[in-house]
């Protein structure tokens, strides 16, 4: 049986994971996690894992080369406006 190696990350609460820190100050958590744990960080929200990708080469790999392997959250898929763009004024 092979074990899966996960990226390091802040331990958080045994039940909630990093949810409390995330809700308190998301940017501070991301900044501290990147500084302390490196280019790829595992965060937990309850039983789910989130991955913070910090290195430009890894970001390109995920967003460009491996994009078909990732699915956007339902709420993002339902929004027809691309992130960061406003509808044109008429």
PDB file of N, CA and C in Angstrom:
ATOM      1  N   UNK A   1       0.845  -1.180   0.000  1.00  0.00           N
ATOM      2  CA  UNK A   1       0.000   0.000   0.000  1.00  0.00           C
ATOM      3  C   UNK A   1       0.890   1.242   0.000  1.00  0.00           C
ATOM      4  N   UNK A   2       0.641   2.164  -0.913  1.00  0.00           N
ATOM      5  CA  UNK A   2       1.453   3.370  -0.989  1.00  0.00           C
ATOM      6  C   UNK A   2       0.772   4.493  -0.222  1.00  0.00           C
ATOM      7  N   UNK A   3       1.587   5.324   0.391  1.00  0.00           N
ATOM      8  CA  UNK A   3       1.030   6.466   1.110  1.00  0.00           C
ATOM      9  C   UNK A   3       1.138   7.705   0.236  1.00  0.00           C
ATOM     10  N   UNK A   4       0.173   8.576   0.371  1.00  0.00           N
ATOM     11  CA  UNK A   4       0.159   9.816  -0.390  1.00  0.00           C
ATOM     12  C   UNK A   4       0.866  10.891   0.422  1.00  0.00           C
ATOM     13  N   UNK A   5       1.835  11.541  -0.187  1.00  0.00           N
ATOM     14  CA  UNK A   5       2.539  12.632   0.476  1.00  0.00           C
ATOM     15  C   UNK A   5       1.808  13.932   0.167  1.00  0.00           C
ATOM     16  N   UNK A   6       1.467  14.643   1.207  1.00  0.00           N
ATOM     17  CA  UNK A   6       0.776  15.920   1.035  1.00  0.00           C
ATOM     18  C   UNK A   6       1.734  17.046   1.349  1.00  0.00           C
ATOM     19  N   UNK A   7       1.525  18.208   0.704  1.00  0.00           N
ATOM     20  CA  UNK A   7       2.369  19.367   1.021  1.00  0.00           C
ATOM     21  C   UNK A   7       2.187  19.769   2.474  1.00  0.00           C
ATOM     22  N   UNK A   8       3.187  20.413   3.054  1.00  0.00           N
ATOM     23  CA  UNK A   8       3.072  20.872   4.441  1.00  0.00           C
ATOM     24  C   UNK A   8       2.118  22.052   4.552  1.00  0.00           C
ATOM     25  N   UNK A   9       1.674  22.313   5.762  1.00  0.00           N
ATOM     26  CA  UNK A   9       0.805  23.454   5.997  1.00  0.00           C
ATOM     27  C   UNK A   9       0.539  23.620   7.470  1.00  0.00           C
ATOM     28  N   UNK A  10      -0.083  24.727   7.841  1.00  0.00           N
ATOM     29  CA  UNK A  10      -0.386  24.972   9.244  1.00  0.00           C
ATOM     30  C   UNK A  10      -1.353  23.910   9.761  1.00  0.00           C
ATOM     31  N   UNK A  11      -1.144  23.426  10.981  1.00  0.00           N
ATOM     32  CA  UNK A  11      -1.943  22.316  11.480  1.00  0.00           C
ATOM     33  C   UNK A  11      -3.417  22.644  11.694  1.00  0.00           C
ATOM     34  N   UNK A  12      -3.729  23.811  12.212  1.00  0.00           N
ATOM     35  CA  UNK A  12      -5.119  24.169  12.455  1.00  0.00           C
ATOM     36  C   UNK A  12      -5.772  23.307  13.515  1.00  0.00           C
ATOM     37  N   UNK A  13      -7.054  23.497  13.679  1.00  0.00           N
ATOM     38  CA  UNK A  13      -7.878  22.775  14.641  1.00  0.00           C
ATOM     39  C   UNK A  13      -8.172  21.382  14.106  1.00  0.00           C
ATOM     40  N   UNK A  14      -8.276  20.389  14.991  1.00  0.00           N
ATOM     41  CA  UNK A  14      -8.490  19.008  14.546  1.00  0.00           C
ATOM     42  C   UNK A  14      -9.806  18.833  13.800  1.00  0.00           C
ATOM     43  N   UNK A  15     -10.829  19.627  14.123  1.00  0.00           N
ATOM     44  CA  UNK A  15     -12.130  19.497  13.479  1.00  0.00           C
ATOM     45  C   UNK A  15     -12.322  20.511  12.353  1.00  0.00           C
ATOM     46  N   UNK A  16     -12.023  21.768  12.622  1.00  0.00           N
ATOM     47  CA  UNK A  16     -12.276  22.842  11.657  1.00  0.00           C
ATOM     48  C   UNK A  16     -11.108  23.104  10.721  1.00  0.00           C
ATOM     49  N   UNK A  17      -9.959  22.555  11.024  1.00  0.00           N
ATOM     50  CA  UNK A  17      -8.786  22.833  10.198  1.00  0.00           C
ATOM     51  C   UNK A  17      -8.360  24.280  10.366  1.00  0.00           C
ATOM     52  N   UNK A  18      -8.174  24.973   9.268  1.00  0.00           N
ATOM     53  CA  UNK A  18      -7.713  26.359   9.276  1.00  0.00           C
ATOM     54  C   UNK A  18      -8.852  27.361   9.102  1.00  0.00           C
ATOM     55  N   UNK A  19     -10.092  26.909   9.248  1.00  0.00           N
ATOM     56  CA  UNK A  19     -11.248  27.764   9.004  1.00  0.00           C
ATOM     57  C   UNK A  19     -11.255  29.009   9.877  1.00  0.00           C
ATOM     58  N   UNK A  20     -10.951  28.868  11.153  1.00  0.00           N
ATOM     59  CA  UNK A  20     -10.970  30.024  12.063  1.00  0.00           C
ATOM     60  C   UNK A  20      -9.970  31.082  11.613  1.00  0.00           C
ATOM     61  N   UNK A  21      -8.747  30.670  11.297  1.00  0.00           N
ATOM     62  CA  UNK A  21      -7.728  31.611  10.822  1.00  0.00           C
ATOM     63  C   UNK A  21      -8.129  32.235   9.486  1.00  0.00           C
ATOM     64  N   UNK A  22      -8.703  31.421   8.620  1.00  0.00           N
ATOM     65  CA  UNK A  22      -9.113  31.882   7.298  1.00  0.00           C
ATOM     66  C   UNK A  22     -10.184  32.956   7.405  1.00  0.00           C
ATOM     67  N   UNK A  23     -11.140  32.757   8.296  1.00  0.00           N
ATOM     68  CA  UNK A  23     -12.216  33.734   8.471  1.00  0.00           C
ATOM     69  C   UNK A  23     -11.724  34.997   9.169  1.00  0.00           C
ATOM     70  N   UNK A  24     -10.749  34.851  10.076  1.00  0.00           N
ATOM     71  CA  UNK A  24     -10.246  35.997  10.822  1.00  0.00           C
ATOM     72  C   UNK A  24      -9.474  36.948   9.911  1.00  0.00           C
ATOM     73  N   UNK A  25      -8.529  36.400   9.129  1.00  0.00           N
ATOM     74  CA  UNK A  25      -7.697  37.241   8.260  1.00  0.00           C
ATOM     75  C   UNK A  25      -7.074  36.364   7.177  1.00  0.00           C
ATOM     76  N   UNK A  26      -7.780  36.219   6.062  1.00  0.00           N
ATOM     77  CA  UNK A  26      -7.360  35.339   4.991  1.00  0.00           C
ATOM     78  C   UNK A  26      -5.984  35.720   4.440  1.00  0.00           C
ATOM     79  N   UNK A  27      -5.771  36.995   4.171  1.00  0.00           N
ATOM     80  CA  UNK A  27      -4.495  37.431   3.602  1.00  0.00           C
ATOM     81  C   UNK A  27      -3.336  37.141   4.548  1.00  0.00           C
ATOM     82  N   UNK A  28      -3.542  37.383   5.839  1.00  0.00           N
ATOM     83  CA  UNK A  28      -2.486  37.101   6.812  1.00  0.00           C
ATOM     84  C   UNK A  28      -2.162  35.612   6.853  1.00  0.00           C
ATOM     85  N   UNK A  29      -3.185  34.768   6.793  1.00  0.00           N
ATOM     86  CA  UNK A  29      -2.965  33.320   6.787  1.00  0.00           C
ATOM     87  C   UNK A  29      -2.184  32.904   5.542  1.00  0.00           C
ATOM     88  N   UNK A  30      -2.591  33.393   4.375  1.00  0.00           N
ATOM     89  CA  UNK A  30      -1.905  33.037   3.127  1.00  0.00           C
ATOM     90  C   UNK A  30      -0.455  33.500   3.146  1.00  0.00           C
ATOM     91  N   UNK A  31      -0.227  34.720   3.624  1.00  0.00           N
ATOM     92  CA  UNK A  31       1.131  35.269   3.669  1.00  0.00           C
ATOM     93  C   UNK A  31       2.015  34.467   4.614  1.00  0.00           C
ATOM     94  N   UNK A  32       1.506  34.195   5.801  1.00  0.00           N
ATOM     95  CA  UNK A  32       2.276  33.427   6.788  1.00  0.00           C
ATOM     96  C   UNK A  32       2.526  32.003   6.302  1.00  0.00           C
ATOM     97  N   UNK A  33       1.516  31.377   5.732  1.00  0.00           N
ATOM     98  CA  UNK A  33       1.663  30.004   5.247  1.00  0.00           C
ATOM     99  C   UNK A  33       2.695  29.927   4.127  1.00  0.00           C
ATOM    100  N   UNK A  34       2.683  30.874   3.209  1.00  0.00           N
ATOM    101  CA  UNK A  34       3.659  30.882   2.119  1.00  0.00           C
ATOM    102  C   UNK A  34       5.068  31.075   2.668  1.00  0.00           C
ATOM    103  N   UNK A  35       5.224  31.971   3.625  1.00  0.00           N
ATOM    104  CA  UNK A  35       6.542  32.239   4.206  1.00  0.00           C
ATOM    105  C   UNK A  35       7.058  31.021   4.979  1.00  0.00           C
ATOM    106  N   UNK A  36       6.189  30.396   5.753  1.00  0.00           N
ATOM    107  CA  UNK A  36       6.619  29.299   6.615  1.00  0.00           C
ATOM    108  C   UNK A  36       6.685  27.942   5.923  1.00  0.00           C
ATOM    109  N   UNK A  37       5.825  27.709   4.920  1.00  0.00           N
ATOM    110  CA  UNK A  37       5.728  26.372   4.346  1.00  0.00           C
ATOM    111  C   UNK A  37       6.138  26.273   2.878  1.00  0.00           C
ATOM    112  N   UNK A  38       6.364  27.406   2.202  1.00  0.00           N
ATOM    113  CA  UNK A  38       6.928  27.340   0.863  1.00  0.00           C
ATOM    114  C   UNK A  38       5.963  27.532  -0.296  1.00  0.00           C
ATOM    115  N   UNK A  39       6.347  26.938  -1.426  1.00  0.00           N
ATOM    116  CA  UNK A  39       5.670  27.187  -2.697  1.00  0.00           C
ATOM    117  C   UNK A  39       4.329  26.484  -2.858  1.00  0.00           C
ATOM    118  N   UNK A  40       4.121  25.413  -2.133  1.00  0.00           N
ATOM    119  CA  UNK A  40       2.857  24.678  -2.204  1.00  0.00           C
ATOM    120  C   UNK A  40       2.444  24.336  -0.779  1.00  0.00           C
ATOM    121  N   UNK A  41       1.288  24.848  -0.364  1.00  0.00           N
ATOM    122  CA  UNK A  41       0.850  24.739   1.034  1.00  0.00           C
ATOM    123  C   UNK A  41      -0.530  24.084   1.083  1.00  0.00           C
ATOM    124  N   UNK A  42      -0.687  23.160   2.002  1.00  0.00           N
ATOM    125  CA  UNK A  42      -1.993  22.524   2.215  1.00  0.00           C
ATOM    126  C   UNK A  42      -2.693  23.215   3.377  1.00  0.00           C
ATOM    127  N   UNK A  43      -3.913  23.673   3.131  1.00  0.00           N
ATOM    128  CA  UNK A  43      -4.772  24.230   4.163  1.00  0.00           C
ATOM    129  C   UNK A  43      -5.986  23.321   4.276  1.00  0.00           C
ATOM    130  N   UNK A  44      -6.578  23.269   5.464  1.00  0.00           N
ATOM    131  CA  UNK A  44      -7.756  22.436   5.655  1.00  0.00           C
ATOM    132  C   UNK A  44      -8.947  23.266   6.091  1.00  0.00           C
ATOM    133  N   UNK A  45     -10.103  22.934   5.532  1.00  0.00           N
ATOM    134  CA  UNK A  45     -11.375  23.476   5.990  1.00  0.00           C
ATOM    135  C   UNK A  45     -12.228  22.259   6.293  1.00  0.00           C
ATOM    136  N   UNK A  46     -12.324  21.940   7.564  1.00  0.00           N
ATOM    137  CA  UNK A  46     -12.994  20.698   7.952  1.00  0.00           C
ATOM    138  C   UNK A  46     -12.267  19.525   7.327  1.00  0.00           C
ATOM    139  N   UNK A  47     -12.999  18.639   6.663  1.00  0.00           N
ATOM    140  CA  UNK A  47     -12.363  17.476   6.048  1.00  0.00           C
ATOM    141  C   UNK A  47     -11.753  17.749   4.675  1.00  0.00           C
ATOM    142  N   UNK A  48     -11.965  18.925   4.137  1.00  0.00           N
ATOM    143  CA  UNK A  48     -11.471  19.254   2.788  1.00  0.00           C
ATOM    144  C   UNK A  48     -10.107  19.915   2.838  1.00  0.00           C
ATOM    145  N   UNK A  49      -9.328  19.644   1.801  1.00  0.00           N
ATOM    146  CA  UNK A  49      -8.014  20.268   1.662  1.00  0.00           C
ATOM    147  C   UNK A  49      -8.059  21.310   0.558  1.00  0.00           C
ATOM    148  N   UNK A  50      -7.414  22.441   0.797  1.00  0.00           N
ATOM    149  CA  UNK A  50      -7.213  23.482  -0.197  1.00  0.00           C
ATOM    150  C   UNK A  50      -5.715  23.628  -0.373  1.00  0.00           C
ATOM    151  N   UNK A  51      -5.285  23.961  -1.565  1.00  0.00           N
ATOM    152  CA  UNK A  51      -3.860  24.094  -1.813  1.00  0.00           C
ATOM    153  C   UNK A  51      -3.549  25.508  -2.265  1.00  0.00           C
ATOM    154  N   UNK A  52      -2.611  26.121  -1.585  1.00  0.00           N
ATOM    155  CA  UNK A  52      -2.150  27.467  -1.892  1.00  0.00           C
ATOM    156  C   UNK A  52      -0.891  27.328  -2.735  1.00  0.00           C
ATOM    157  N   UNK A  53      -0.963  27.781  -3.986  1.00  0.00           N
ATOM    158  CA  UNK A  53       0.152  27.660  -4.924  1.00  0.00           C
ATOM    159  C   UNK A  53       0.819  29.027  -5.015  1.00  0.00           C
ATOM    160  N   UNK A  54       2.128  29.086  -4.677  1.00  0.00           N
ATOM    161  CA  UNK A  54       2.812  30.369  -4.541  1.00  0.00           C
ATOM    162  C   UNK A  54       3.894  30.635  -5.572  1.00  0.00           C
ATOM    163  N   UNK A  55       4.419  29.638  -6.210  1.00  0.00           N
ATOM    164  CA  UNK A  55       5.525  29.834  -7.150  1.00  0.00           C
ATOM    165  C   UNK A  55       4.979  30.030  -8.567  1.00  0.00           C
ATOM    166  N   UNK A  56       5.491  31.026  -9.306  1.00  0.00           N
ATOM    167  CA  UNK A  56       4.980  31.299 -10.657  1.00  0.00           C
ATOM    168  C   UNK A  56       5.000  30.079 -11.589  1.00  0.00           C
ATOM    169  N   UNK A  57       6.028  29.262 -11.502  1.00  0.00           N
ATOM    170  CA  UNK A  57       6.097  28.075 -12.369  1.00  0.00           C
ATOM    171  C   UNK A  57       4.991  27.075 -12.019  1.00  0.00           C
ATOM    172  N   UNK A  58       4.715  26.917 -10.734  1.00  0.00           N
ATOM    173  CA  UNK A  58       3.637  26.012 -10.318  1.00  0.00           C
ATOM    174  C   UNK A  58       2.270  26.580 -10.699  1.00  0.00           C
ATOM    175  N   UNK A  59       2.107  27.882 -10.576  1.00  0.00           N
ATOM    176  CA  UNK A  59       0.854  28.529 -10.963  1.00  0.00           C
ATOM    177  C   UNK A  59       0.601  28.326 -12.452  1.00  0.00           C
ATOM    178  N   UNK A  60       1.638  28.514 -13.264  1.00  0.00           N
ATOM    179  CA  UNK A  60       1.499  28.285 -14.708  1.00  0.00           C
ATOM    180  C   UNK A  60       1.139  26.825 -15.001  1.00  0.00           C
ATOM    181  N   UNK A  61       1.760  25.911 -14.300  1.00  0.00           N
ATOM    182  CA  UNK A  61       1.474  24.488 -14.503  1.00  0.00           C
ATOM    183  C   UNK A  61      -0.002  24.187 -14.239  1.00  0.00           C
ATOM    184  N   UNK A  62      -0.533  24.731 -13.148  1.00  0.00           N
ATOM    185  CA  UNK A  62      -1.925  24.478 -12.798  1.00  0.00           C
ATOM    186  C   UNK A  62      -2.880  25.177 -13.760  1.00  0.00           C
ATOM    187  N   UNK A  63      -2.674  26.476 -13.989  1.00  0.00           N
ATOM    188  CA  UNK A  63      -3.634  27.264 -14.763  1.00  0.00           C
ATOM    189  C   UNK A  63      -3.540  27.070 -16.275  1.00  0.00           C
ATOM    190  N   UNK A  64      -2.370  26.689 -16.772  1.00  0.00           N
ATOM    191  CA  UNK A  64      -2.192  26.572 -18.218  1.00  0.00           C
ATOM    192  C   UNK A  64      -2.090  25.111 -18.647  1.00  0.00           C
ATOM    193  N   UNK A  65      -1.100  24.420 -18.144  1.00  0.00           N
ATOM    194  CA  UNK A  65      -0.805  23.080 -18.648  1.00  0.00           C
ATOM    195  C   UNK A  65      -1.724  21.996 -18.100  1.00  0.00           C
ATOM    196  N   UNK A  66      -2.228  22.160 -16.885  1.00  0.00           N
ATOM    197  CA  UNK A  66      -3.063  21.130 -16.265  1.00  0.00           C
ATOM    198  C   UNK A  66      -4.504  21.602 -16.026  1.00  0.00           C
ATOM    199  N   UNK A  67      -4.912  22.671 -16.679  1.00  0.00           N
ATOM    200  CA  UNK A  67      -6.228  23.270 -16.421  1.00  0.00           C
ATOM    201  C   UNK A  67      -7.369  22.272 -16.576  1.00  0.00           C
ATOM    202  N   UNK A  68      -7.272  21.361 -17.510  1.00  0.00           N
ATOM    203  CA  UNK A  68      -8.366  20.409 -17.737  1.00  0.00           C
ATOM    204  C   UNK A  68      -8.544  19.432 -16.565  1.00  0.00           C
ATOM    205  N   UNK A  69      -7.559  19.345 -15.700  1.00  0.00           N
ATOM    206  CA  UNK A  69      -7.644  18.436 -14.554  1.00  0.00           C
ATOM    207  C   UNK A  69      -8.301  19.068 -13.332  1.00  0.00           C
ATOM    208  N   UNK A  70      -8.664  20.334 -13.431  1.00  0.00           N
ATOM    209  CA  UNK A  70      -9.252  21.045 -12.298  1.00  0.00           C
ATOM    210  C   UNK A  70     -10.617  21.577 -12.686  1.00  0.00           C
ATOM    211  N   UNK A  71     -11.533  21.565 -11.732  1.00  0.00           N
ATOM    212  CA  UNK A  71     -12.885  22.039 -11.983  1.00  0.00           C
ATOM    213  C   UNK A  71     -13.159  23.230 -11.080  1.00  0.00           C
ATOM    214  N   UNK A  72     -13.756  24.265 -11.651  1.00  0.00           N
ATOM    215  CA  UNK A  72     -14.111  25.442 -10.866  1.00  0.00           C
ATOM    216  C   UNK A  72     -15.300  25.116  -9.965  1.00  0.00           C
ATOM    217  N   UNK A  73     -15.349  25.805  -8.833  1.00  0.00           N
ATOM    218  CA  UNK A  73     -16.461  25.650  -7.904  1.00  0.00           C
ATOM    219  C   UNK A  73     -17.765  26.001  -8.619  1.00  0.00           C
ATOM    220  N   UNK A  74     -18.830  25.377  -8.189  1.00  0.00           N
ATOM    221  CA  UNK A  74     -20.151  25.584  -8.768  1.00  0.00           C
ATOM    222  C   UNK A  74     -20.506  27.065  -8.876  1.00  0.00           C
ATOM    223  N   UNK A  75     -20.285  27.836  -7.817  1.00  0.00           N
ATOM    224  CA  UNK A  75     -20.652  29.258  -7.808  1.00  0.00           C
ATOM    225  C   UNK A  75     -19.875  30.032  -8.873  1.00  0.00           C
ATOM    226  N   UNK A  76     -18.638  29.675  -9.104  1.00  0.00           N
ATOM    227  CA  UNK A  76     -17.821  30.346 -10.128  1.00  0.00           C
ATOM    228  C   UNK A  76     -18.319  29.957 -11.516  1.00  0.00           C
ATOM    229  N   UNK A  77     -18.660  28.686 -11.709  1.00  0.00           N
ATOM    230  CA  UNK A  77     -19.147  28.235 -13.011  1.00  0.00           C
ATOM    231  C   UNK A  77     -20.471  28.893 -13.364  1.00  0.00           C
ATOM    232  N   UNK A  78     -21.313  29.184 -12.370  1.00  0.00           N
ATOM    233  CA  UNK A  78     -22.622  29.787 -12.626  1.00  0.00           C
ATOM    234  C   UNK A  78     -22.526  31.271 -12.991  1.00  0.00           C
ATOM    235  N   UNK A  79     -21.442  31.921 -12.598  1.00  0.00           N
ATOM    236  CA  UNK A  79     -21.248  33.338 -12.892  1.00  0.00           C
ATOM    237  C   UNK A  79     -20.696  33.474 -14.303  1.00  0.00           C
ATOM    238  N   UNK A  80     -21.436  34.100 -15.167  1.00  0.00           N
ATOM    239  CA  UNK A  80     -21.010  34.223 -16.563  1.00  0.00           C
ATOM    240  C   UNK A  80     -19.974  35.329 -16.783  1.00  0.00           C
ATOM    241  N   UNK A  81     -19.854  36.248 -15.838  1.00  0.00           N
ATOM    242  CA  UNK A  81     -18.880  37.324 -15.987  1.00  0.00           C
ATOM    243  C   UNK A  81     -17.502  36.830 -15.585  1.00  0.00           C
ATOM    244  N   UNK A  82     -16.503  37.024 -16.434  1.00  0.00           N
ATOM    245  CA  UNK A  82     -15.137  36.639 -16.040  1.00  0.00           C
ATOM    246  C   UNK A  82     -14.696  37.450 -14.829  1.00  0.00           C
ATOM    247  N   UNK A  83     -13.938  36.847 -13.976  1.00  0.00           N
ATOM    248  CA  UNK A  83     -13.450  37.526 -12.776  1.00  0.00           C
ATOM    249  C   UNK A  83     -12.672  38.769 -13.152  1.00  0.00           C
ATOM    250  N   UNK A  84     -12.946  39.850 -12.472  1.00  0.00           N
ATOM    251  CA  UNK A  84     -12.200  41.082 -12.690  1.00  0.00           C
ATOM    252  C   UNK A  84     -12.759  41.963 -13.795  1.00  0.00           C
ATOM    253  N   UNK A  85     -13.795  41.534 -14.484  1.00  0.00           N
ATOM    254  CA  UNK A  85     -14.367  42.353 -15.557  1.00  0.00           C
ATOM    255  C   UNK A  85     -15.754  42.819 -15.149  1.00  0.00           C
ATOM    256  N   UNK A  86     -16.038  44.039 -15.507  1.00  0.00           N
ATOM    257  CA  UNK A  86     -17.367  44.596 -15.234  1.00  0.00           C
ATOM    258  C   UNK A  86     -18.183  44.604 -16.523  1.00  0.00           C
ATOM    259  N   UNK A  87     -19.492  44.519 -16.403  1.00  0.00           N
ATOM    260  CA  UNK A  87     -20.303  44.602 -17.612  1.00  0.00           C
ATOM    261  C   UNK A  87     -20.192  45.997 -18.224  1.00  0.00           C
ATOM    262  N   UNK A  88     -20.283  46.067 -19.529  1.00  0.00           N
ATOM    263  CA  UNK A  88     -20.187  47.351 -20.221  1.00  0.00           C
ATOM    264  C   UNK A  88     -21.411  48.209 -19.897  1.00  0.00           C
ATOM    265  N   UNK A  89     -21.195  49.489 -19.698  1.00  0.00           N
ATOM    266  CA  UNK A  89     -22.296  50.411 -19.435  1.00  0.00           C
ATOM    267  C   UNK A  89     -22.973  50.743 -20.754  1.00  0.00           C
ATOM    268  N   UNK A  90     -24.279  50.806 -20.728  1.00  0.00           N
ATOM    269  CA  UNK A  90     -25.017  51.065 -21.964  1.00  0.00           C
ATOM    270  C   UNK A  90     -25.613  52.430 -21.948  1.00  0.00           C
TER     271      UNK A  90
END
